[in-house]
């Protein structure tokens, strides 16, 4: 049975590490994927990467049919973008970056290679929300948060707010 895992918050150092490739899709990896989906749905997210739940491996789950519905879960092992085109601005938030949203520039279309939970190779082309969400989750696998992609001024303003919340012991 899937369990809800705690989500790490910025500035946890695990979020800044590059995740390791998954050598073999094991029953433990499948359980982790189930836990991640359950956690993502519980927190009303659209995507979640393994480092966000403290696991340094290249696994992401996405379901852009949510957060209310659970109709299109996508689980990808060792995903990587092999081509991209165009640019689009997206307003992004993150389950690991508390109470903050900002515009981020992403590729408009991407081609992706990965493995599924059966260990079989998959290749997909995507655009729109799915492409944006996937790029966001792939950043997590590379130790990058969306706030690493915004201006220094916006980032420092967010960090000042975060310090006040921590000092007052009132994290949102």
N, C-alpha and C. Protein backbone atom coordinates (compact mmCIF):
# COMPACT_ATOMS: atom_id res chain seq x y z
N UNK A 1 0.84 -1.19 0.00
CA UNK A 1 0.00 0.00 0.00
C UNK A 1 0.89 1.25 0.00
N UNK A 2 0.55 2.19 -0.84
CA UNK A 2 1.36 3.41 -0.98
C UNK A 2 1.23 4.27 0.28
N UNK A 3 2.33 4.94 0.60
CA UNK A 3 2.31 5.83 1.76
C UNK A 3 2.71 7.24 1.35
N UNK A 4 2.21 8.19 2.11
CA UNK A 4 2.55 9.58 1.86
C UNK A 4 3.88 9.87 2.55
N UNK A 5 4.80 10.42 1.78
CA UNK A 5 6.14 10.73 2.30
C UNK A 5 6.27 12.22 2.56
N UNK A 6 7.11 12.61 3.51
CA UNK A 6 7.36 14.04 3.72
C UNK A 6 8.10 14.62 2.52
N UNK A 7 7.75 15.84 2.19
CA UNK A 7 8.40 16.54 1.09
C UNK A 7 9.45 17.50 1.67
N UNK A 8 10.67 17.42 1.14
CA UNK A 8 11.74 18.31 1.58
C UNK A 8 11.47 19.72 1.06
N UNK A 9 11.85 20.70 1.87
CA UNK A 9 11.67 22.11 1.49
C UNK A 9 13.02 22.78 1.32
N UNK A 10 13.06 23.74 0.40
CA UNK A 10 14.22 24.60 0.24
C UNK A 10 14.48 25.26 1.57
N UNK A 11 15.71 25.32 2.07
CA UNK A 11 16.99 25.08 1.43
C UNK A 11 17.62 23.71 1.75
N UNK A 12 16.87 22.65 1.90
CA UNK A 12 17.44 21.34 2.19
C UNK A 12 18.51 21.01 1.15
N UNK A 13 19.73 20.62 1.58
CA UNK A 13 20.83 20.39 0.63
C UNK A 13 20.58 19.23 -0.33
N UNK A 14 19.74 18.28 0.00
CA UNK A 14 19.45 17.17 -0.92
C UNK A 14 18.84 17.70 -2.21
N UNK A 15 18.09 18.79 -2.11
CA UNK A 15 17.44 19.37 -3.29
C UNK A 15 18.45 19.98 -4.27
N UNK A 16 19.67 20.22 -3.81
CA UNK A 16 20.70 20.82 -4.66
C UNK A 16 21.66 19.77 -5.23
N UNK A 17 21.41 18.49 -4.97
CA UNK A 17 22.29 17.44 -5.45
C UNK A 17 21.79 16.86 -6.78
N UNK A 18 22.73 16.39 -7.60
CA UNK A 18 22.37 15.69 -8.83
C UNK A 18 22.01 14.25 -8.45
N UNK A 19 20.83 13.82 -8.86
CA UNK A 19 20.35 12.47 -8.53
C UNK A 19 21.09 11.42 -9.35
N UNK A 20 21.19 10.22 -8.78
CA UNK A 20 21.89 9.12 -9.43
C UNK A 20 20.96 8.36 -10.38
N UNK A 21 21.55 7.85 -11.47
CA UNK A 21 20.78 7.00 -12.39
C UNK A 21 20.28 5.75 -11.66
N UNK A 22 19.16 5.24 -12.11
CA UNK A 22 18.62 3.99 -11.59
C UNK A 22 19.14 2.89 -12.51
N UNK A 23 19.91 1.98 -11.94
CA UNK A 23 20.52 0.90 -12.74
C UNK A 23 19.49 -0.13 -13.19
N UNK A 24 18.59 -0.50 -12.28
CA UNK A 24 17.58 -1.52 -12.56
C UNK A 24 16.28 -1.11 -11.90
N UNK A 25 15.18 -1.31 -12.61
CA UNK A 25 13.87 -1.03 -12.02
C UNK A 25 13.51 -2.22 -11.13
N UNK A 26 13.56 -1.97 -9.84
CA UNK A 26 13.32 -3.01 -8.83
C UNK A 26 11.94 -2.82 -8.21
N UNK A 27 11.48 -3.80 -7.44
CA UNK A 27 10.22 -3.61 -6.70
C UNK A 27 10.28 -2.40 -5.77
N UNK A 28 11.47 -2.09 -5.23
CA UNK A 28 11.60 -0.91 -4.36
C UNK A 28 11.38 0.38 -5.14
N UNK A 29 11.87 0.42 -6.37
CA UNK A 29 11.66 1.61 -7.21
C UNK A 29 10.17 1.73 -7.54
N UNK A 30 9.51 0.64 -7.82
CA UNK A 30 8.07 0.66 -8.11
C UNK A 30 7.29 1.15 -6.89
N UNK A 31 7.70 0.71 -5.70
CA UNK A 31 7.03 1.17 -4.47
C UNK A 31 7.27 2.66 -4.25
N UNK A 32 8.50 3.10 -4.52
CA UNK A 32 8.81 4.52 -4.40
C UNK A 32 7.92 5.33 -5.35
N UNK A 33 7.75 4.86 -6.57
CA UNK A 33 6.89 5.55 -7.54
C UNK A 33 5.45 5.63 -7.02
N UNK A 34 4.94 4.55 -6.45
CA UNK A 34 3.59 4.56 -5.88
C UNK A 34 3.49 5.56 -4.75
N UNK A 35 4.48 5.55 -3.86
CA UNK A 35 4.50 6.51 -2.74
C UNK A 35 4.55 7.94 -3.26
N UNK A 36 5.36 8.17 -4.29
CA UNK A 36 5.47 9.52 -4.84
C UNK A 36 4.16 9.98 -5.45
N UNK A 37 3.47 9.10 -6.18
CA UNK A 37 2.17 9.47 -6.73
C UNK A 37 1.20 9.81 -5.62
N UNK A 38 1.14 8.98 -4.60
CA UNK A 38 0.22 9.23 -3.48
C UNK A 38 0.55 10.54 -2.79
N UNK A 39 1.84 10.81 -2.59
CA UNK A 39 2.29 12.06 -1.97
C UNK A 39 1.92 13.26 -2.83
N UNK A 40 2.17 13.16 -4.13
CA UNK A 40 1.85 14.25 -5.06
C UNK A 40 0.36 14.55 -5.04
N UNK A 41 -0.47 13.51 -5.10
CA UNK A 41 -1.92 13.71 -5.07
C UNK A 41 -2.36 14.32 -3.74
N UNK A 42 -1.79 13.86 -2.64
CA UNK A 42 -2.15 14.37 -1.32
C UNK A 42 -1.84 15.85 -1.20
N UNK A 43 -0.72 16.28 -1.79
CA UNK A 43 -0.31 17.70 -1.71
C UNK A 43 -0.84 18.52 -2.88
N UNK A 44 -1.68 17.91 -3.73
CA UNK A 44 -2.30 18.58 -4.87
C UNK A 44 -1.28 19.15 -5.84
N UNK A 45 -0.22 18.38 -6.08
CA UNK A 45 0.80 18.78 -7.05
C UNK A 45 0.53 18.15 -8.40
N UNK A 46 1.25 18.62 -9.39
CA UNK A 46 1.16 18.05 -10.75
C UNK A 46 2.36 17.18 -11.08
N UNK A 47 3.43 17.30 -10.31
CA UNK A 47 4.62 16.50 -10.53
C UNK A 47 5.43 16.41 -9.26
N UNK A 48 6.27 15.38 -9.21
CA UNK A 48 7.14 15.19 -8.05
C UNK A 48 8.36 14.39 -8.50
N UNK A 49 9.53 14.80 -8.02
CA UNK A 49 10.78 14.10 -8.33
C UNK A 49 11.28 13.43 -7.05
N UNK A 50 11.96 12.30 -7.21
CA UNK A 50 12.43 11.52 -6.06
C UNK A 50 13.25 12.35 -5.05
N UNK A 51 14.13 13.26 -5.49
CA UNK A 51 14.88 14.04 -4.48
C UNK A 51 13.96 14.84 -3.55
N UNK A 52 12.78 15.19 -4.00
CA UNK A 52 11.86 15.96 -3.15
C UNK A 52 11.36 15.15 -1.96
N UNK A 53 11.43 13.82 -2.06
CA UNK A 53 11.05 12.97 -0.93
C UNK A 53 12.30 12.32 -0.32
N UNK A 54 13.47 12.91 -0.59
CA UNK A 54 14.70 12.48 0.04
C UNK A 54 15.41 11.31 -0.61
N UNK A 55 15.00 10.93 -1.81
CA UNK A 55 15.63 9.81 -2.52
C UNK A 55 16.43 10.34 -3.70
N UNK A 56 17.74 10.15 -3.68
CA UNK A 56 18.60 10.68 -4.73
C UNK A 56 18.68 9.72 -5.91
N UNK A 57 17.56 9.59 -6.62
CA UNK A 57 17.54 8.75 -7.82
C UNK A 57 16.69 9.44 -8.89
N UNK A 58 16.91 9.06 -10.14
CA UNK A 58 16.30 9.74 -11.28
C UNK A 58 14.94 9.13 -11.60
N UNK A 59 13.95 9.52 -10.80
CA UNK A 59 12.57 9.05 -10.94
C UNK A 59 11.64 10.23 -10.78
N UNK A 60 10.70 10.37 -11.72
CA UNK A 60 9.69 11.44 -11.62
C UNK A 60 8.31 10.86 -11.86
N UNK A 61 7.33 11.51 -11.21
CA UNK A 61 5.93 11.19 -11.46
C UNK A 61 5.23 12.49 -11.82
N UNK A 62 4.29 12.39 -12.74
CA UNK A 62 3.55 13.56 -13.22
C UNK A 62 2.11 13.13 -13.50
N UNK A 63 1.18 14.03 -13.20
CA UNK A 63 -0.20 13.84 -13.62
C UNK A 63 -0.83 15.21 -13.78
N UNK A 64 -0.87 15.69 -15.02
CA UNK A 64 -1.41 17.03 -15.27
C UNK A 64 -2.94 17.04 -15.32
N UNK A 65 -3.57 15.88 -15.13
CA UNK A 65 -5.04 15.87 -15.07
C UNK A 65 -5.50 16.38 -13.71
N UNK A 66 -4.59 16.48 -12.75
CA UNK A 66 -4.92 16.89 -11.38
C UNK A 66 -4.91 18.38 -11.22
N UNK A 67 -4.98 18.82 -9.96
CA UNK A 67 -4.82 17.96 -8.82
C UNK A 67 -6.10 17.23 -8.38
N UNK A 68 -7.26 17.63 -8.87
CA UNK A 68 -8.50 16.99 -8.43
C UNK A 68 -8.65 15.57 -8.97
N UNK A 69 -8.29 15.38 -10.22
CA UNK A 69 -8.44 14.07 -10.86
C UNK A 69 -7.14 13.30 -10.75
N UNK A 70 -7.21 12.01 -11.04
CA UNK A 70 -6.02 11.15 -11.04
C UNK A 70 -6.11 10.24 -12.25
N UNK A 71 -6.17 10.85 -13.43
CA UNK A 71 -6.48 10.10 -14.64
C UNK A 71 -5.29 9.77 -15.53
N UNK A 72 -4.19 10.52 -15.42
CA UNK A 72 -3.09 10.34 -16.36
C UNK A 72 -1.74 10.24 -15.68
N UNK A 73 -1.57 9.33 -14.69
CA UNK A 73 -0.26 9.26 -14.04
C UNK A 73 0.83 8.79 -15.01
N UNK A 74 1.93 9.47 -14.97
CA UNK A 74 3.07 9.16 -15.82
C UNK A 74 4.28 8.98 -14.90
N UNK A 75 4.92 7.83 -14.98
CA UNK A 75 6.10 7.53 -14.17
C UNK A 75 7.27 7.31 -15.12
N UNK A 76 8.35 8.05 -14.90
CA UNK A 76 9.50 7.97 -15.80
C UNK A 76 10.78 7.73 -15.00
N UNK A 77 11.54 6.74 -15.45
CA UNK A 77 12.81 6.37 -14.84
C UNK A 77 13.94 6.88 -15.73
N UNK A 78 14.90 7.56 -15.14
CA UNK A 78 16.06 8.11 -15.87
C UNK A 78 15.64 8.96 -17.08
N UNK A 79 14.68 9.85 -16.91
CA UNK A 79 14.25 10.65 -18.07
C UNK A 79 15.33 11.65 -18.48
N UNK A 80 15.38 11.89 -19.79
CA UNK A 80 16.29 12.91 -20.29
C UNK A 80 15.71 13.52 -21.56
N UNK A 81 15.93 14.79 -21.71
CA UNK A 81 15.47 15.51 -22.90
C UNK A 81 16.52 15.33 -23.99
N UNK A 82 16.06 14.86 -25.16
CA UNK A 82 16.99 14.65 -26.27
C UNK A 82 16.90 15.77 -27.31
N UNK A 83 15.77 16.50 -27.31
CA UNK A 83 15.69 17.69 -28.16
C UNK A 83 14.60 18.61 -27.61
N UNK A 84 14.74 19.86 -27.97
CA UNK A 84 13.76 20.85 -27.53
C UNK A 84 13.68 21.97 -28.55
N UNK A 85 12.54 22.65 -28.56
CA UNK A 85 12.40 23.79 -29.47
C UNK A 85 11.44 24.81 -28.89
N UNK A 86 11.61 26.04 -29.35
CA UNK A 86 10.75 27.13 -28.92
C UNK A 86 10.99 27.53 -27.48
N UNK A 87 10.31 28.61 -27.09
CA UNK A 87 10.38 29.09 -25.71
C UNK A 87 9.01 29.55 -25.29
N UNK A 88 8.73 29.36 -24.00
CA UNK A 88 7.46 29.79 -23.44
C UNK A 88 7.71 30.20 -22.00
N UNK A 89 6.98 31.22 -21.54
CA UNK A 89 7.03 31.62 -20.14
C UNK A 89 5.94 30.89 -19.40
N UNK A 90 6.29 30.36 -18.23
CA UNK A 90 5.28 29.68 -17.42
C UNK A 90 5.33 30.22 -16.00
N UNK A 91 4.19 30.28 -15.36
CA UNK A 91 4.13 30.66 -13.95
C UNK A 91 4.23 29.37 -13.15
N UNK A 92 5.30 29.25 -12.36
CA UNK A 92 5.56 27.99 -11.66
C UNK A 92 5.60 28.17 -10.17
N UNK A 93 5.19 27.11 -9.50
CA UNK A 93 5.34 26.96 -8.07
C UNK A 93 5.95 25.59 -7.85
N UNK A 94 6.19 25.23 -6.59
CA UNK A 94 6.85 23.95 -6.31
C UNK A 94 6.49 23.50 -4.90
N UNK A 95 6.26 22.21 -4.75
CA UNK A 95 5.95 21.66 -3.44
C UNK A 95 7.13 21.80 -2.48
N UNK A 96 8.35 22.00 -3.00
CA UNK A 96 9.53 22.17 -2.15
C UNK A 96 9.90 23.64 -1.94
N UNK A 97 9.21 24.55 -2.58
CA UNK A 97 9.46 25.99 -2.42
C UNK A 97 8.15 26.59 -1.90
N UNK A 98 8.12 26.82 -0.61
CA UNK A 98 6.88 27.19 0.07
C UNK A 98 6.36 28.57 -0.32
N UNK A 99 5.07 28.62 -0.64
CA UNK A 99 4.35 29.88 -0.87
C UNK A 99 5.04 30.85 -1.83
N UNK A 100 5.47 30.35 -2.98
CA UNK A 100 6.09 31.24 -3.95
C UNK A 100 5.84 30.75 -5.36
N UNK A 101 5.52 31.68 -6.24
CA UNK A 101 5.36 31.40 -7.67
C UNK A 101 6.12 32.48 -8.43
N UNK A 102 6.63 32.10 -9.61
CA UNK A 102 7.31 33.07 -10.45
C UNK A 102 7.31 32.59 -11.89
N UNK A 103 7.52 33.53 -12.80
CA UNK A 103 7.63 33.16 -14.21
C UNK A 103 9.00 32.56 -14.48
N UNK A 104 8.99 31.50 -15.26
CA UNK A 104 10.21 30.80 -15.65
C UNK A 104 10.13 30.54 -17.15
N UNK A 105 11.25 30.68 -17.84
CA UNK A 105 11.27 30.39 -19.27
C UNK A 105 11.64 28.92 -19.49
N UNK A 106 10.85 28.25 -20.30
CA UNK A 106 11.04 26.83 -20.60
C UNK A 106 10.97 26.62 -22.11
N UNK A 107 11.43 25.45 -22.54
CA UNK A 107 11.25 25.06 -23.94
C UNK A 107 9.77 24.80 -24.18
N UNK A 108 9.30 25.15 -25.36
CA UNK A 108 7.89 24.97 -25.69
C UNK A 108 7.55 23.51 -26.00
N UNK A 109 8.47 22.85 -26.71
CA UNK A 109 8.29 21.44 -27.07
C UNK A 109 9.54 20.68 -26.71
N UNK A 110 9.36 19.43 -26.28
CA UNK A 110 10.52 18.60 -25.96
C UNK A 110 10.30 17.17 -26.47
N UNK A 111 11.41 16.50 -26.70
CA UNK A 111 11.40 15.06 -26.98
C UNK A 111 12.18 14.43 -25.83
N UNK A 112 11.60 13.38 -25.29
CA UNK A 112 12.11 12.78 -24.08
C UNK A 112 12.38 11.29 -24.27
N UNK A 113 13.45 10.80 -23.65
CA UNK A 113 13.70 9.36 -23.57
C UNK A 113 13.76 8.99 -22.10
N UNK A 114 13.22 7.80 -21.77
CA UNK A 114 13.21 7.33 -20.39
C UNK A 114 12.93 5.83 -20.40
N UNK A 115 12.80 5.28 -19.21
CA UNK A 115 12.32 3.91 -19.03
C UNK A 115 10.99 3.97 -18.30
N UNK A 116 10.13 2.98 -18.55
CA UNK A 116 8.91 2.88 -17.76
C UNK A 116 9.18 1.95 -16.57
N UNK A 117 8.17 1.68 -15.78
CA UNK A 117 8.37 0.83 -14.60
C UNK A 117 8.60 -0.64 -14.92
N UNK A 118 8.41 -1.01 -16.18
CA UNK A 118 8.76 -2.36 -16.61
C UNK A 118 10.21 -2.43 -17.10
N UNK A 119 10.90 -1.28 -17.07
CA UNK A 119 12.28 -1.21 -17.53
C UNK A 119 12.41 -1.10 -19.03
N UNK A 120 11.28 -0.84 -19.71
CA UNK A 120 11.28 -0.72 -21.17
C UNK A 120 11.53 0.73 -21.58
N UNK A 121 12.30 0.94 -22.66
CA UNK A 121 12.52 2.31 -23.13
C UNK A 121 11.25 2.93 -23.70
N UNK A 122 11.07 4.20 -23.41
CA UNK A 122 9.97 4.97 -23.98
C UNK A 122 10.54 6.27 -24.54
N UNK A 123 9.91 6.74 -25.61
CA UNK A 123 10.27 8.02 -26.20
C UNK A 123 8.98 8.77 -26.43
N UNK A 124 8.97 10.03 -26.02
CA UNK A 124 7.75 10.83 -26.11
C UNK A 124 8.07 12.22 -26.61
N UNK A 125 7.11 12.78 -27.35
CA UNK A 125 7.17 14.20 -27.69
C UNK A 125 6.06 14.87 -26.92
N UNK A 126 6.35 16.04 -26.37
CA UNK A 126 5.32 16.72 -25.60
C UNK A 126 5.46 18.23 -25.71
N UNK A 127 4.34 18.89 -25.46
CA UNK A 127 4.32 20.35 -25.42
C UNK A 127 3.33 20.77 -24.34
N UNK A 128 3.11 22.07 -24.23
CA UNK A 128 2.14 22.58 -23.28
C UNK A 128 2.53 22.29 -21.83
N UNK A 129 1.50 22.13 -21.00
CA UNK A 129 1.70 21.94 -19.57
C UNK A 129 2.55 20.71 -19.27
N UNK A 130 2.37 19.64 -20.02
CA UNK A 130 3.15 18.43 -19.77
C UNK A 130 4.65 18.68 -19.98
N UNK A 131 5.00 19.39 -21.04
CA UNK A 131 6.41 19.69 -21.31
C UNK A 131 6.99 20.59 -20.22
N UNK A 132 6.23 21.58 -19.80
CA UNK A 132 6.69 22.49 -18.75
C UNK A 132 6.90 21.72 -17.44
N UNK A 133 5.91 20.92 -17.08
CA UNK A 133 5.98 20.15 -15.83
C UNK A 133 7.18 19.20 -15.86
N UNK A 134 7.38 18.55 -16.97
CA UNK A 134 8.48 17.60 -17.07
C UNK A 134 9.84 18.31 -16.94
N UNK A 135 9.98 19.46 -17.57
CA UNK A 135 11.23 20.20 -17.46
C UNK A 135 11.48 20.62 -16.00
N UNK A 136 10.41 21.01 -15.31
CA UNK A 136 10.52 21.39 -13.90
C UNK A 136 11.02 20.20 -13.07
N UNK A 137 10.43 19.02 -13.31
CA UNK A 137 10.83 17.82 -12.54
C UNK A 137 12.24 17.36 -12.91
N UNK A 138 12.61 17.47 -14.17
CA UNK A 138 13.97 17.11 -14.58
C UNK A 138 14.99 18.04 -13.92
N UNK A 139 14.63 19.31 -13.75
CA UNK A 139 15.51 20.22 -13.02
C UNK A 139 15.80 19.66 -11.63
N UNK A 140 14.77 19.15 -10.95
CA UNK A 140 14.97 18.58 -9.61
C UNK A 140 16.01 17.46 -9.65
N UNK A 141 15.98 16.64 -10.68
CA UNK A 141 16.94 15.54 -10.78
C UNK A 141 18.37 16.05 -10.96
N UNK A 142 18.49 17.28 -11.43
CA UNK A 142 19.81 17.89 -11.64
C UNK A 142 20.18 18.87 -10.54
N UNK A 143 19.43 18.86 -9.43
CA UNK A 143 19.74 19.73 -8.30
C UNK A 143 19.39 21.18 -8.53
N UNK A 144 18.42 21.43 -9.42
CA UNK A 144 18.02 22.79 -9.76
C UNK A 144 16.57 23.00 -9.36
N UNK A 145 16.30 24.12 -8.68
CA UNK A 145 14.93 24.50 -8.35
C UNK A 145 14.51 25.64 -9.28
N UNK A 146 13.20 25.82 -9.43
CA UNK A 146 12.77 26.90 -10.33
C UNK A 146 13.25 28.26 -9.84
N UNK A 147 13.49 28.41 -8.54
CA UNK A 147 13.99 29.71 -8.05
C UNK A 147 15.45 29.93 -8.44
N UNK A 148 16.12 28.87 -8.91
CA UNK A 148 17.47 29.04 -9.46
C UNK A 148 17.42 29.67 -10.85
N UNK A 149 16.23 29.72 -11.44
CA UNK A 149 16.05 30.24 -12.80
C UNK A 149 15.42 31.63 -12.83
N UNK A 150 15.28 32.25 -11.66
CA UNK A 150 14.69 33.59 -11.61
C UNK A 150 15.77 34.62 -11.28
N UNK A 151 15.44 35.89 -11.35
CA UNK A 151 16.43 36.94 -11.11
C UNK A 151 16.94 36.87 -9.67
N UNK A 152 18.14 37.38 -9.48
CA UNK A 152 18.73 37.40 -8.13
C UNK A 152 17.87 38.22 -7.18
N UNK A 153 17.29 39.29 -7.67
CA UNK A 153 16.46 40.14 -6.82
C UNK A 153 15.24 39.38 -6.32
N UNK A 154 14.52 38.73 -7.23
CA UNK A 154 13.34 37.95 -6.83
C UNK A 154 13.72 36.84 -5.87
N UNK A 155 14.85 36.20 -6.14
CA UNK A 155 15.29 35.11 -5.27
C UNK A 155 15.63 35.64 -3.88
N UNK A 156 16.34 36.74 -3.80
CA UNK A 156 16.72 37.27 -2.48
C UNK A 156 15.49 37.73 -1.70
N UNK A 157 14.49 38.27 -2.39
CA UNK A 157 13.25 38.66 -1.70
C UNK A 157 12.55 37.44 -1.12
N UNK A 158 12.53 36.35 -1.89
CA UNK A 158 11.93 35.11 -1.38
C UNK A 158 12.72 34.60 -0.17
N UNK A 159 14.03 34.61 -0.25
CA UNK A 159 14.86 34.10 0.84
C UNK A 159 14.69 34.94 2.11
N UNK A 160 14.49 36.25 1.94
CA UNK A 160 14.23 37.10 3.11
C UNK A 160 12.92 36.71 3.79
N UNK A 161 11.87 36.47 2.98
CA UNK A 161 10.59 36.02 3.54
C UNK A 161 10.75 34.69 4.27
N UNK A 162 11.48 33.79 3.65
CA UNK A 162 11.69 32.47 4.24
C UNK A 162 12.41 32.58 5.58
N UNK A 163 13.43 33.43 5.66
CA UNK A 163 14.16 33.62 6.93
C UNK A 163 13.24 34.15 8.02
N UNK A 164 12.34 35.07 7.65
CA UNK A 164 11.38 35.60 8.64
C UNK A 164 10.45 34.50 9.13
N UNK A 165 9.96 33.66 8.21
CA UNK A 165 9.08 32.56 8.59
C UNK A 165 9.79 31.60 9.53
N UNK A 166 11.04 31.29 9.20
CA UNK A 166 11.81 30.35 10.02
C UNK A 166 12.08 30.96 11.40
N UNK A 167 12.44 32.24 11.42
CA UNK A 167 12.75 32.93 12.68
C UNK A 167 11.52 32.94 13.60
N UNK A 168 10.36 33.17 13.00
CA UNK A 168 9.11 33.21 13.79
C UNK A 168 8.52 31.83 14.01
N UNK A 169 9.21 30.80 13.44
CA UNK A 169 8.72 29.42 13.51
C UNK A 169 7.30 29.32 12.96
N UNK A 170 7.07 30.04 11.87
CA UNK A 170 5.75 30.05 11.23
C UNK A 170 5.88 29.76 9.76
N UNK A 171 6.47 28.62 9.44
CA UNK A 171 6.54 28.23 8.03
C UNK A 171 5.14 28.02 7.51
N UNK A 172 4.86 28.50 6.30
CA UNK A 172 3.51 28.32 5.74
C UNK A 172 3.18 26.86 5.47
